[in-house]
Amino acid sequence: PKERRLSDGIIHNRGSRAGLEGLTRRALL
């Protein structure tokens, strides 16, 4: 919980490359 609270964004990378691109865009880009 502490590390999650101190993070500016969290990417839960459970699946596909395409899914990861979408998660990265929403969390950061």
mmCIF file of all heavy atoms, coordinates in Angstrom:
data_MODEL
# 
_entry.id   MODEL 
# 
loop_
_atom_site.group_PDB 
_atom_site.id 
_atom_site.type_symbol 
_atom_site.label_atom_id 
_atom_site.label_alt_id 
_atom_site.label_comp_id 
_atom_site.label_asym_id 
_atom_site.label_entity_id 
_atom_site.label_seq_id 
_atom_site.pdbx_PDB_ins_code 
_atom_site.Cartn_x 
_atom_site.Cartn_y 
_atom_site.Cartn_z 
_atom_site.occupancy 
_atom_site.B_iso_or_equiv 
_atom_site.pdbx_formal_charge 
_atom_site.auth_seq_id 
_atom_site.auth_comp_id 
_atom_site.auth_asym_id 
_atom_site.auth_atom_id 
_atom_site.pdbx_PDB_model_num 
ATOM 1   N N   . PRO A 1 1  ? 0.804  -1.230  0.000   1.00 0.00 ? 1  PRO A N   1 
ATOM 2   C CA  . PRO A 1 1  ? 0.000  0.000   0.000   1.00 0.00 ? 1  PRO A CA  1 
ATOM 3   C C   . PRO A 1 1  ? 0.835  1.278   0.000   1.00 0.00 ? 1  PRO A C   1 
ATOM 4   O O   . PRO A 1 1  ? 0.484  2.254   -0.664  1.00 0.00 ? 1  PRO A O   1 
ATOM 5   C CB  . PRO A 1 1  ? -0.832 -0.122  1.276   1.00 0.00 ? 1  PRO A CB  1 
ATOM 6   C CG  . PRO A 1 1  ? -0.905 -1.582  1.552   1.00 0.00 ? 1  PRO A CG  1 
ATOM 7   C CD  . PRO A 1 1  ? 0.402  -2.147  1.080   1.00 0.00 ? 1  PRO A CD  1 
ATOM 8   N N   . LYS A 1 2  ? 1.936  1.293   0.739   1.00 0.00 ? 2  LYS A N   1 
ATOM 9   C CA  . LYS A 1 2  ? 2.774  2.490   0.796   1.00 0.00 ? 2  LYS A CA  1 
ATOM 10  C C   . LYS A 1 2  ? 3.342  2.814   -0.578  1.00 0.00 ? 2  LYS A C   1 
ATOM 11  O O   . LYS A 1 2  ? 3.296  3.968   -1.028  1.00 0.00 ? 2  LYS A O   1 
ATOM 12  C CB  . LYS A 1 2  ? 3.910  2.292   1.802   1.00 0.00 ? 2  LYS A CB  1 
ATOM 13  C CG  . LYS A 1 2  ? 4.839  3.486   1.894   1.00 0.00 ? 2  LYS A CG  1 
ATOM 14  C CD  . LYS A 1 2  ? 5.973  3.217   2.868   1.00 0.00 ? 2  LYS A CD  1 
ATOM 15  C CE  . LYS A 1 2  ? 6.957  4.384   2.890   1.00 0.00 ? 2  LYS A CE  1 
ATOM 16  N NZ  . LYS A 1 2  ? 8.102  4.109   3.792   1.00 0.00 ? 2  LYS A NZ  1 
ATOM 17  N N   . GLU A 1 3  ? 3.903  1.807   -1.249  1.00 0.00 ? 3  GLU A N   1 
ATOM 18  C CA  . GLU A 1 3  ? 4.500  2.028   -2.562  1.00 0.00 ? 3  GLU A CA  1 
ATOM 19  C C   . GLU A 1 3  ? 3.446  2.435   -3.586  1.00 0.00 ? 3  GLU A C   1 
ATOM 20  O O   . GLU A 1 3  ? 3.694  3.307   -4.435  1.00 0.00 ? 3  GLU A O   1 
ATOM 21  C CB  . GLU A 1 3  ? 5.244  0.773   -3.027  1.00 0.00 ? 3  GLU A CB  1 
ATOM 22  C CG  . GLU A 1 3  ? 6.517  0.471   -2.267  1.00 0.00 ? 3  GLU A CG  1 
ATOM 23  C CD  . GLU A 1 3  ? 6.295  -0.144  -0.895  1.00 0.00 ? 3  GLU A CD  1 
ATOM 24  O OE1 . GLU A 1 3  ? 5.170  -0.621  -0.611  1.00 0.00 ? 3  GLU A OE1 1 
ATOM 25  O OE2 . GLU A 1 3  ? 7.231  -0.153  -0.092  1.00 0.00 ? 3  GLU A OE2 1 
ATOM 26  N N   . ARG A 1 4  ? 2.274  1.843   -3.476  1.00 0.00 ? 4  ARG A N   1 
ATOM 27  C CA  . ARG A 1 4  ? 1.194  2.215   -4.394  1.00 0.00 ? 4  ARG A CA  1 
ATOM 28  C C   . ARG A 1 4  ? 0.760  3.658   -4.170  1.00 0.00 ? 4  ARG A C   1 
ATOM 29  O O   . ARG A 1 4  ? 0.504  4.398   -5.117  1.00 0.00 ? 4  ARG A O   1 
ATOM 30  C CB  . ARG A 1 4  ? 0.005  1.260   -4.213  1.00 0.00 ? 4  ARG A CB  1 
ATOM 31  C CG  . ARG A 1 4  ? 0.301  -0.150  -4.692  1.00 0.00 ? 4  ARG A CG  1 
ATOM 32  C CD  . ARG A 1 4  ? -0.783 -1.133  -4.280  1.00 0.00 ? 4  ARG A CD  1 
ATOM 33  N NE  . ARG A 1 4  ? -0.392 -2.478  -4.632  1.00 0.00 ? 4  ARG A NE  1 
ATOM 34  C CZ  . ARG A 1 4  ? -0.646 -3.059  -5.792  1.00 0.00 ? 4  ARG A CZ  1 
ATOM 35  N NH1 . ARG A 1 4  ? -1.330 -2.406  -6.716  1.00 0.00 ? 4  ARG A NH1 1 
ATOM 36  N NH2 . ARG A 1 4  ? -0.250 -4.282  -6.045  1.00 0.00 ? 4  ARG A NH2 1 
ATOM 37  N N   . ARG A 1 5  ? 0.701  4.047   -2.907  1.00 0.00 ? 5  ARG A N   1 
ATOM 38  C CA  . ARG A 1 5  ? 0.296  5.418   -2.580  1.00 0.00 ? 5  ARG A CA  1 
ATOM 39  C C   . ARG A 1 5  ? 1.319  6.435   -3.079  1.00 0.00 ? 5  ARG A C   1 
ATOM 40  O O   . ARG A 1 5  ? 0.959  7.539   -3.511  1.00 0.00 ? 5  ARG A O   1 
ATOM 41  C CB  . ARG A 1 5  ? 0.115  5.542   -1.067  1.00 0.00 ? 5  ARG A CB  1 
ATOM 42  C CG  . ARG A 1 5  ? -0.484 6.869   -0.613  1.00 0.00 ? 5  ARG A CG  1 
ATOM 43  C CD  . ARG A 1 5  ? -0.772 6.870   0.869   1.00 0.00 ? 5  ARG A CD  1 
ATOM 44  N NE  . ARG A 1 5  ? 0.420  6.766   1.692   1.00 0.00 ? 5  ARG A NE  1 
ATOM 45  C CZ  . ARG A 1 5  ? 0.798  5.688   2.363   1.00 0.00 ? 5  ARG A CZ  1 
ATOM 46  N NH1 . ARG A 1 5  ? 0.054  4.598   2.335   1.00 0.00 ? 5  ARG A NH1 1 
ATOM 47  N NH2 . ARG A 1 5  ? 1.901  5.677   3.090   1.00 0.00 ? 5  ARG A NH2 1 
ATOM 48  N N   . LEU A 1 6  ? 2.592  6.083   -3.042  1.00 0.00 ? 6  LEU A N   1 
ATOM 49  C CA  . LEU A 1 6  ? 3.652  6.999   -3.454  1.00 0.00 ? 6  LEU A CA  1 
ATOM 50  C C   . LEU A 1 6  ? 3.882  7.020   -4.962  1.00 0.00 ? 6  LEU A C   1 
ATOM 51  O O   . LEU A 1 6  ? 4.642  7.860   -5.455  1.00 0.00 ? 6  LEU A O   1 
ATOM 52  C CB  . LEU A 1 6  ? 4.964  6.632   -2.740  1.00 0.00 ? 6  LEU A CB  1 
ATOM 53  C CG  . LEU A 1 6  ? 4.974  6.851   -1.224  1.00 0.00 ? 6  LEU A CG  1 
ATOM 54  C CD1 . LEU A 1 6  ? 6.257  6.304   -0.621  1.00 0.00 ? 6  LEU A CD1 1 
ATOM 55  C CD2 . LEU A 1 6  ? 4.814  8.328   -0.893  1.00 0.00 ? 6  LEU A CD2 1 
ATOM 56  N N   . SER A 1 7  ? 3.238  6.123   -5.676  1.00 0.00 ? 7  SER A N   1 
ATOM 57  C CA  . SER A 1 7  ? 3.381  6.080   -7.139  1.00 0.00 ? 7  SER A CA  1 
ATOM 58  C C   . SER A 1 7  ? 2.427  7.074   -7.785  1.00 0.00 ? 7  SER A C   1 
ATOM 59  O O   . SER A 1 7  ? 1.323  7.308   -7.296  1.00 0.00 ? 7  SER A O   1 
ATOM 60  C CB  . SER A 1 7  ? 3.080  4.672   -7.656  1.00 0.00 ? 7  SER A CB  1 
ATOM 61  O OG  . SER A 1 7  ? 4.021  3.740   -7.153  1.00 0.00 ? 7  SER A OG  1 
ATOM 62  N N   . ASP A 1 8  ? 2.870  7.658   -8.890  1.00 0.00 ? 8  ASP A N   1 
ATOM 63  C CA  . ASP A 1 8  ? 2.021  8.587   -9.640  1.00 0.00 ? 8  ASP A CA  1 
ATOM 64  C C   . ASP A 1 8  ? 1.056  7.866   -10.569 1.00 0.00 ? 8  ASP A C   1 
ATOM 65  O O   . ASP A 1 8  ? 0.072  8.450   -11.023 1.00 0.00 ? 8  ASP A O   1 
ATOM 66  C CB  . ASP A 1 8  ? 2.892  9.544   -10.460 1.00 0.00 ? 8  ASP A CB  1 
ATOM 67  C CG  . ASP A 1 8  ? 3.759  10.416  -9.563  1.00 0.00 ? 8  ASP A CG  1 
ATOM 68  O OD1 . ASP A 1 8  ? 3.188  11.175  -8.759  1.00 0.00 ? 8  ASP A OD1 1 
ATOM 69  O OD2 . ASP A 1 8  ? 4.994  10.326  -9.663  1.00 0.00 ? 8  ASP A OD2 1 
ATOM 70  N N   . GLY A 1 9  ? 1.336  6.619   -10.855 1.00 0.00 ? 9  GLY A N   1 
ATOM 71  C CA  . GLY A 1 9  ? 0.459  5.807   -11.700 1.00 0.00 ? 9  GLY A CA  1 
ATOM 72  C C   . GLY A 1 9  ? 0.800  4.340   -11.517 1.00 0.00 ? 9  GLY A C   1 
ATOM 73  O O   . GLY A 1 9  ? 1.929  3.999   -11.127 1.00 0.00 ? 9  GLY A O   1 
ATOM 74  N N   . ILE A 1 10 ? -0.170 3.467   -11.761 1.00 0.00 ? 10 ILE A N   1 
ATOM 75  C CA  . ILE A 1 10 ? 0.039  2.019   -11.634 1.00 0.00 ? 10 ILE A CA  1 
ATOM 76  C C   . ILE A 1 10 ? -0.435 1.349   -12.913 1.00 0.00 ? 10 ILE A C   1 
ATOM 77  O O   . ILE A 1 10 ? -1.535 1.617   -13.405 1.00 0.00 ? 10 ILE A O   1 
ATOM 78  C CB  . ILE A 1 10 ? -0.721 1.438   -10.424 1.00 0.00 ? 10 ILE A CB  1 
ATOM 79  C CG1 . ILE A 1 10 ? -0.267 2.124   -9.128  1.00 0.00 ? 10 ILE A CG1 1 
ATOM 80  C CG2 . ILE A 1 10 ? -0.513 -0.075  -10.326 1.00 0.00 ? 10 ILE A CG2 1 
ATOM 81  C CD1 . ILE A 1 10 ? -1.050 1.717   -7.895  1.00 0.00 ? 10 ILE A CD1 1 
ATOM 82  N N   . ILE A 1 11 ? 0.411  0.475   -13.451 1.00 0.00 ? 11 ILE A N   1 
ATOM 83  C CA  . ILE A 1 11 ? 0.065  -0.314  -14.627 1.00 0.00 ? 11 ILE A CA  1 
ATOM 84  C C   . ILE A 1 11 ? -0.038 -1.767  -14.194 1.00 0.00 ? 11 ILE A C   1 
ATOM 85  O O   . ILE A 1 11 ? 0.949  -2.365  -13.768 1.00 0.00 ? 11 ILE A O   1 
ATOM 86  C CB  . ILE A 1 11 ? 1.120  -0.150  -15.739 1.00 0.00 ? 11 ILE A CB  1 
ATOM 87  C CG1 . ILE A 1 11 ? 1.152  1.303   -16.235 1.00 0.00 ? 11 ILE A CG1 1 
ATOM 88  C CG2 . ILE A 1 11 ? 0.846  -1.114  -16.893 1.00 0.00 ? 11 ILE A CG2 1 
ATOM 89  C CD1 . ILE A 1 11 ? 2.266  1.605   -17.218 1.00 0.00 ? 11 ILE A CD1 1 
ATOM 90  N N   . HIS A 1 12 ? -1.229 -2.340  -14.293 1.00 0.00 ? 12 HIS A N   1 
ATOM 91  C CA  . HIS A 1 12 ? -1.457 -3.752  -13.950 1.00 0.00 ? 12 HIS A CA  1 
ATOM 92  C C   . HIS A 1 12 ? -1.299 -4.563  -15.235 1.00 0.00 ? 12 HIS A C   1 
ATOM 93  O O   . HIS A 1 12 ? -2.225 -4.679  -16.033 1.00 0.00 ? 12 HIS A O   1 
ATOM 94  C CB  . HIS A 1 12 ? -2.849 -3.942  -13.354 1.00 0.00 ? 12 HIS A CB  1 
ATOM 95  C CG  . HIS A 1 12 ? -3.066 -3.197  -12.075 1.00 0.00 ? 12 HIS A CG  1 
ATOM 96  N ND1 . HIS A 1 12 ? -2.618 -3.670  -10.859 1.00 0.00 ? 12 HIS A ND1 1 
ATOM 97  C CD2 . HIS A 1 12 ? -3.646 -1.992  -11.819 1.00 0.00 ? 12 HIS A CD2 1 
ATOM 98  C CE1 . HIS A 1 12 ? -2.933 -2.798  -9.906  1.00 0.00 ? 12 HIS A CE1 1 
ATOM 99  N NE2 . HIS A 1 12 ? -3.548 -1.775  -10.462 1.00 0.00 ? 12 HIS A NE2 1 
ATOM 100 N N   . ASN A 1 13 ? -0.122 -5.119  -15.430 1.00 0.00 ? 13 ASN A N   1 
ATOM 101 C CA  . ASN A 1 13 ? 0.236  -5.790  -16.682 1.00 0.00 ? 13 ASN A CA  1 
ATOM 102 C C   . ASN A 1 13 ? -0.068 -7.289  -16.618 1.00 0.00 ? 13 ASN A C   1 
ATOM 103 O O   . ASN A 1 13 ? 0.798  -8.100  -16.347 1.00 0.00 ? 13 ASN A O   1 
ATOM 104 C CB  . ASN A 1 13 ? 1.724  -5.546  -16.975 1.00 0.00 ? 13 ASN A CB  1 
ATOM 105 C CG  . ASN A 1 13 ? 2.172  -6.241  -18.233 1.00 0.00 ? 13 ASN A CG  1 
ATOM 106 O OD1 . ASN A 1 13 ? 1.377  -6.518  -19.120 1.00 0.00 ? 13 ASN A OD1 1 
ATOM 107 N ND2 . ASN A 1 13 ? 3.458  -6.521  -18.315 1.00 0.00 ? 13 ASN A ND2 1 
ATOM 108 N N   . ARG A 1 14 ? -1.316 -7.634  -16.882 1.00 0.00 ? 14 ARG A N   1 
ATOM 109 C CA  . ARG A 1 14 ? -1.721 -9.041  -16.799 1.00 0.00 ? 14 ARG A CA  1 
ATOM 110 C C   . ARG A 1 14 ? -1.768 -9.740  -18.156 1.00 0.00 ? 14 ARG A C   1 
ATOM 111 O O   . ARG A 1 14 ? -1.779 -10.947 -18.230 1.00 0.00 ? 14 ARG A O   1 
ATOM 112 C CB  . ARG A 1 14 ? -3.120 -9.149  -16.180 1.00 0.00 ? 14 ARG A CB  1 
ATOM 113 C CG  . ARG A 1 14 ? -3.209 -8.659  -14.759 1.00 0.00 ? 14 ARG A CG  1 
ATOM 114 C CD  . ARG A 1 14 ? -4.616 -8.865  -14.231 1.00 0.00 ? 14 ARG A CD  1 
ATOM 115 N NE  . ARG A 1 14 ? -4.737 -8.434  -12.850 1.00 0.00 ? 14 ARG A NE  1 
ATOM 116 C CZ  . ARG A 1 14 ? -5.121 -7.224  -12.487 1.00 0.00 ? 14 ARG A CZ  1 
ATOM 117 N NH1 . ARG A 1 14 ? -5.404 -6.319  -13.407 1.00 0.00 ? 14 ARG A NH1 1 
ATOM 118 N NH2 . ARG A 1 14 ? -5.216 -6.900  -11.209 1.00 0.00 ? 14 ARG A NH2 1 
ATOM 119 N N   . GLY A 1 15 ? -1.851 -8.952  -19.236 1.00 0.00 ? 15 GLY A N   1 
ATOM 120 C CA  . GLY A 1 15 ? -2.198 -9.607  -20.493 1.00 0.00 ? 15 GLY A CA  1 
ATOM 121 C C   . GLY A 1 15 ? -1.360 -9.276  -21.694 1.00 0.00 ? 15 GLY A C   1 
ATOM 122 O O   . GLY A 1 15 ? -0.137 -9.345  -21.650 1.00 0.00 ? 15 GLY A O   1 
ATOM 123 N N   . SER A 1 16 ? -2.027 -8.860  -22.759 1.00 0.00 ? 16 SER A N   1 
ATOM 124 C CA  . SER A 1 16 ? -1.423 -8.761  -24.075 1.00 0.00 ? 16 SER A CA  1 
ATOM 125 C C   . SER A 1 16 ? -0.594 -7.494  -24.249 1.00 0.00 ? 16 SER A C   1 
ATOM 126 O O   . SER A 1 16 ? -0.694 -6.539  -23.490 1.00 0.00 ? 16 SER A O   1 
ATOM 127 C CB  . SER A 1 16 ? -2.520 -8.769  -25.140 1.00 0.00 ? 16 SER A CB  1 
ATOM 128 O OG  . SER A 1 16 ? -3.274 -7.575  -25.060 1.00 0.00 ? 16 SER A OG  1 
ATOM 129 N N   . ARG A 1 17 ? 0.196  -7.496  -25.326 1.00 0.00 ? 17 ARG A N   1 
ATOM 130 C CA  . ARG A 1 17 ? 0.998  -6.322  -25.680 1.00 0.00 ? 17 ARG A CA  1 
ATOM 131 C C   . ARG A 1 17 ? 0.088  -5.127  -26.006 1.00 0.00 ? 17 ARG A C   1 
ATOM 132 O O   . ARG A 1 17 ? 0.349  -4.009  -25.579 1.00 0.00 ? 17 ARG A O   1 
ATOM 133 C CB  . ARG A 1 17 ? 1.861  -6.678  -26.888 1.00 0.00 ? 17 ARG A CB  1 
ATOM 134 C CG  . ARG A 1 17 ? 2.709  -5.549  -27.413 1.00 0.00 ? 17 ARG A CG  1 
ATOM 135 C CD  . ARG A 1 17 ? 3.977  -5.424  -26.636 1.00 0.00 ? 17 ARG A CD  1 
ATOM 136 N NE  . ARG A 1 17 ? 4.864  -4.433  -27.189 1.00 0.00 ? 17 ARG A NE  1 
ATOM 137 C CZ  . ARG A 1 17 ? 6.090  -4.256  -26.784 1.00 0.00 ? 17 ARG A CZ  1 
ATOM 138 N NH1 . ARG A 1 17 ? 6.582  -4.996  -25.821 1.00 0.00 ? 17 ARG A NH1 1 
ATOM 139 N NH2 . ARG A 1 17 ? 6.852  -3.334  -27.318 1.00 0.00 ? 17 ARG A NH2 1 
ATOM 140 N N   . ALA A 1 18 ? -0.972 -5.401  -26.759 1.00 0.00 ? 18 ALA A N   1 
ATOM 141 C CA  . ALA A 1 18 ? -1.906 -4.324  -27.109 1.00 0.00 ? 18 ALA A CA  1 
ATOM 142 C C   . ALA A 1 18 ? -2.552 -3.746  -25.857 1.00 0.00 ? 18 ALA A C   1 
ATOM 143 O O   . ALA A 1 18 ? -2.715 -2.532  -25.722 1.00 0.00 ? 18 ALA A O   1 
ATOM 144 C CB  . ALA A 1 18 ? -2.972 -4.837  -28.069 1.00 0.00 ? 18 ALA A CB  1 
ATOM 145 N N   . GLY A 1 19 ? -2.899 -4.621  -24.937 1.00 0.00 ? 19 GLY A N   1 
ATOM 146 C CA  . GLY A 1 19 ? -3.479 -4.163  -23.681 1.00 0.00 ? 19 GLY A CA  1 
ATOM 147 C C   . GLY A 1 19 ? -2.509 -3.334  -22.889 1.00 0.00 ? 19 GLY A C   1 
ATOM 148 O O   . GLY A 1 19 ? -2.881 -2.319  -22.285 1.00 0.00 ? 19 GLY A O   1 
ATOM 149 N N   . LEU A 1 20 ? -1.235 -3.726  -22.905 1.00 0.00 ? 20 LEU A N   1 
ATOM 150 C CA  . LEU A 1 20 ? -0.203 -2.988  -22.181 1.00 0.00 ? 20 LEU A CA  1 
ATOM 151 C C   . LEU A 1 20 ? -0.023 -1.589  -22.776 1.00 0.00 ? 20 LEU A C   1 
ATOM 152 O O   . LEU A 1 20 ? 0.167  -0.620  -22.048 1.00 0.00 ? 20 LEU A O   1 
ATOM 153 C CB  . LEU A 1 20 ? 1.113  -3.753  -22.210 1.00 0.00 ? 20 LEU A CB  1 
ATOM 154 C CG  . LEU A 1 20 ? 2.281  -3.120  -21.452 1.00 0.00 ? 20 LEU A CG  1 
ATOM 155 C CD1 . LEU A 1 20 ? 1.937  -2.939  -19.981 1.00 0.00 ? 20 LEU A CD1 1 
ATOM 156 C CD2 . LEU A 1 20 ? 3.539  -3.967  -21.603 1.00 0.00 ? 20 LEU A CD2 1 
ATOM 157 N N   . GLU A 1 21 ? -0.092 -1.480  -24.081 1.00 0.00 ? 21 GLU A N   1 
ATOM 158 C CA  . GLU A 1 21 ? 0.024  -0.164  -24.725 1.00 0.00 ? 21 GLU A CA  1 
ATOM 159 C C   . GLU A 1 21 ? -1.088 0.765   -24.246 1.00 0.00 ? 21 GLU A C   1 
ATOM 160 O O   . GLU A 1 21 ? -0.846 1.937   -23.951 1.00 0.00 ? 21 GLU A O   1 
ATOM 161 C CB  . GLU A 1 21 ? -0.021 -0.320  -26.243 1.00 0.00 ? 21 GLU A CB  1 
ATOM 162 C CG  . GLU A 1 21 ? 1.231  -0.946  -26.826 1.00 0.00 ? 21 GLU A CG  1 
ATOM 163 C CD  . GLU A 1 21 ? 1.202  -0.995  -28.348 1.00 0.00 ? 21 GLU A CD  1 
ATOM 164 O OE1 . GLU A 1 21 ? 0.387  -0.274  -28.951 1.00 0.00 ? 21 GLU A OE1 1 
ATOM 165 O OE2 . GLU A 1 21 ? 2.005  -1.747  -28.905 1.00 0.00 ? 21 GLU A OE2 1 
ATOM 166 N N   . GLY A 1 22 ? -2.309 0.241   -24.159 1.00 0.00 ? 22 GLY A N   1 
ATOM 167 C CA  . GLY A 1 22 ? -3.428 1.042   -23.687 1.00 0.00 ? 22 GLY A CA  1 
ATOM 168 C C   . GLY A 1 22 ? -3.254 1.461   -22.243 1.00 0.00 ? 22 GLY A C   1 
ATOM 169 O O   . GLY A 1 22 ? -3.512 2.622   -21.878 1.00 0.00 ? 22 GLY A O   1 
ATOM 170 N N   . LEU A 1 23 ? -2.790 0.541   -21.406 1.00 0.00 ? 23 LEU A N   1 
ATOM 171 C CA  . LEU A 1 23 ? -2.571 0.846   -19.992 1.00 0.00 ? 23 LEU A CA  1 
ATOM 172 C C   . LEU A 1 23 ? -1.472 1.892   -19.821 1.00 0.00 ? 23 LEU A C   1 
ATOM 173 O O   . LEU A 1 23 ? -1.577 2.794   -18.986 1.00 0.00 ? 23 LEU A O   1 
ATOM 174 C CB  . LEU A 1 23 ? -2.183 -0.431  -19.243 1.00 0.00 ? 23 LEU A CB  1 
ATOM 175 C CG  . LEU A 1 23 ? -3.284 -1.492  -19.078 1.00 0.00 ? 23 LEU A CG  1 
ATOM 176 C CD1 . LEU A 1 23 ? -2.679 -2.790  -18.575 1.00 0.00 ? 23 LEU A CD1 1 
ATOM 177 C CD2 . LEU A 1 23 ? -4.368 -1.002  -18.130 1.00 0.00 ? 23 LEU A CD2 1 
ATOM 178 N N   . THR A 1 24 ? -0.418 1.772   -20.614 1.00 0.00 ? 24 THR A N   1 
ATOM 179 C CA  . THR A 1 24 ? 0.685  2.730   -20.546 1.00 0.00 ? 24 THR A CA  1 
ATOM 180 C C   . THR A 1 24 ? 0.211  4.111   -20.977 1.00 0.00 ? 24 THR A C   1 
ATOM 181 O O   . THR A 1 24 ? 0.552  5.125   -20.354 1.00 0.00 ? 24 THR A O   1 
ATOM 182 C CB  . THR A 1 24 ? 1.854  2.268   -21.432 1.00 0.00 ? 24 THR A CB  1 
ATOM 183 O OG1 . THR A 1 24 ? 2.298  0.986   -20.984 1.00 0.00 ? 24 THR A OG1 1 
ATOM 184 C CG2 . THR A 1 24 ? 3.016  3.253   -21.372 1.00 0.00 ? 24 THR A CG2 1 
ATOM 185 N N   . ARG A 1 25 ? -0.584 4.159   -22.017 1.00 0.00 ? 25 ARG A N   1 
ATOM 186 C CA  . ARG A 1 25 ? -1.093 5.441   -22.486 1.00 0.00 ? 25 ARG A CA  1 
ATOM 187 C C   . ARG A 1 25 ? -1.957 6.120   -21.430 1.00 0.00 ? 25 ARG A C   1 
ATOM 188 O O   . ARG A 1 25 ? -1.801 7.288   -21.133 1.00 0.00 ? 25 ARG A O   1 
ATOM 189 C CB  . ARG A 1 25 ? -1.903 5.224   -23.777 1.00 0.00 ? 25 ARG A CB  1 
ATOM 190 C CG  . ARG A 1 25 ? -2.343 6.534   -24.449 1.00 0.00 ? 25 ARG A CG  1 
ATOM 191 C CD  . ARG A 1 25 ? -3.017 6.272   -25.775 1.00 0.00 ? 25 ARG A CD  1 
ATOM 192 N NE  . ARG A 1 25 ? -4.226 5.474   -25.617 1.00 0.00 ? 25 ARG A NE  1 
ATOM 193 C CZ  . ARG A 1 25 ? -4.338 4.201   -25.979 1.00 0.00 ? 25 ARG A CZ  1 
ATOM 194 N NH1 . ARG A 1 25 ? -3.323 3.562   -26.546 1.00 0.00 ? 25 ARG A NH1 1 
ATOM 195 N NH2 . ARG A 1 25 ? -5.463 3.539   -25.795 1.00 0.00 ? 25 ARG A NH2 1 
ATOM 196 N N   . ARG A 1 26 ? -2.830 5.336   -20.795 1.00 0.00 ? 26 ARG A N   1 
ATOM 197 C CA  . ARG A 1 26 ? -3.726 5.924   -19.786 1.00 0.00 ? 26 ARG A CA  1 
ATOM 198 C C   . ARG A 1 26 ? -2.973 6.340   -18.525 1.00 0.00 ? 26 ARG A C   1 
ATOM 199 O O   . ARG A 1 26 ? -3.285 7.361   -17.912 1.00 0.00 ? 26 ARG A O   1 
ATOM 200 C CB  . ARG A 1 26 ? -4.851 4.947   -19.440 1.00 0.00 ? 26 ARG A CB  1 
ATOM 201 C CG  . ARG A 1 26 ? -5.877 4.783   -20.561 1.00 0.00 ? 26 ARG A CG  1 
ATOM 202 C CD  . ARG A 1 26 ? -7.108 4.061   -20.072 1.00 0.00 ? 26 ARG A CD  1 
ATOM 203 N NE  . ARG A 1 26 ? -6.856 2.670   -19.741 1.00 0.00 ? 26 ARG A NE  1 
ATOM 204 C CZ  . ARG A 1 26 ? -6.857 1.675   -20.627 1.00 0.00 ? 26 ARG A CZ  1 
ATOM 205 N NH1 . ARG A 1 26 ? -7.078 1.920   -21.905 1.00 0.00 ? 26 ARG A NH1 1 
ATOM 206 N NH2 . ARG A 1 26 ? -6.630 0.441   -20.238 1.00 0.00 ? 26 ARG A NH2 1 
ATOM 207 N N   . ALA A 1 27 ? -1.974 5.525   -18.118 1.00 0.00 ? 27 ALA A N   1 
ATOM 208 C CA  . ALA A 1 27 ? -1.252 5.809   -16.884 1.00 0.00 ? 27 ALA A CA  1 
ATOM 209 C C   . ALA A 1 27 ? -0.214 6.910   -17.044 1.00 0.00 ? 27 ALA A C   1 
ATOM 210 O O   . ALA A 1 27 ? 0.132  7.575   -16.074 1.00 0.00 ? 27 ALA A O   1 
ATOM 211 C CB  . ALA A 1 27 ? -0.570 4.543   -16.383 1.00 0.00 ? 27 ALA A CB  1 
ATOM 212 N N   . LEU A 1 28 ? 0.250  7.112   -18.277 1.00 0.00 ? 28 LEU A N   1 
ATOM 213 C CA  . LEU A 1 28 ? 1.405  7.984   -18.444 1.00 0.00 ? 28 LEU A CA  1 
ATOM 214 C C   . LEU A 1 28 ? 1.347  8.876   -19.663 1.00 0.00 ? 28 LEU A C   1 
ATOM 215 O O   . LEU A 1 28 ? 1.373  10.099  -19.553 1.00 0.00 ? 28 LEU A O   1 
ATOM 216 C CB  . LEU A 1 28 ? 2.666  7.098   -18.480 1.00 0.00 ? 28 LEU A CB  1 
ATOM 217 C CG  . LEU A 1 28 ? 3.991  7.816   -18.622 1.00 0.00 ? 28 LEU A CG  1 
ATOM 218 C CD1 . LEU A 1 28 ? 4.201  8.778   -17.462 1.00 0.00 ? 28 LEU A CD1 1 
ATOM 219 C CD2 . LEU A 1 28 ? 5.127  6.821   -18.690 1.00 0.00 ? 28 LEU A CD2 1 
ATOM 220 N N   . LEU A 1 29 ? 1.252  8.286   -20.836 1.00 0.00 ? 29 LEU A N   1 
ATOM 221 C CA  . LEU A 1 29 ? 1.435  9.061   -22.055 1.00 0.00 ? 29 LEU A CA  1 
ATOM 222 C C   . LEU A 1 29 ? 0.357  10.116  -22.260 1.00 0.00 ? 29 LEU A C   1 
ATOM 223 O O   . LEU A 1 29 ? 0.624  11.175  -22.815 1.00 0.00 ? 29 LEU A O   1 
ATOM 224 C CB  . LEU A 1 29 ? 1.505  8.124   -23.266 1.00 0.00 ? 29 LEU A CB  1 
ATOM 225 C CG  . LEU A 1 29 ? 2.731  7.192   -23.290 1.00 0.00 ? 29 LEU A CG  1 
ATOM 226 C CD1 . LEU A 1 29 ? 2.635  6.218   -24.441 1.00 0.00 ? 29 LEU A CD1 1 
ATOM 227 C CD2 . LEU A 1 29 ? 4.027  7.988   -23.359 1.00 0.00 ? 29 LEU A CD2 1 
# 
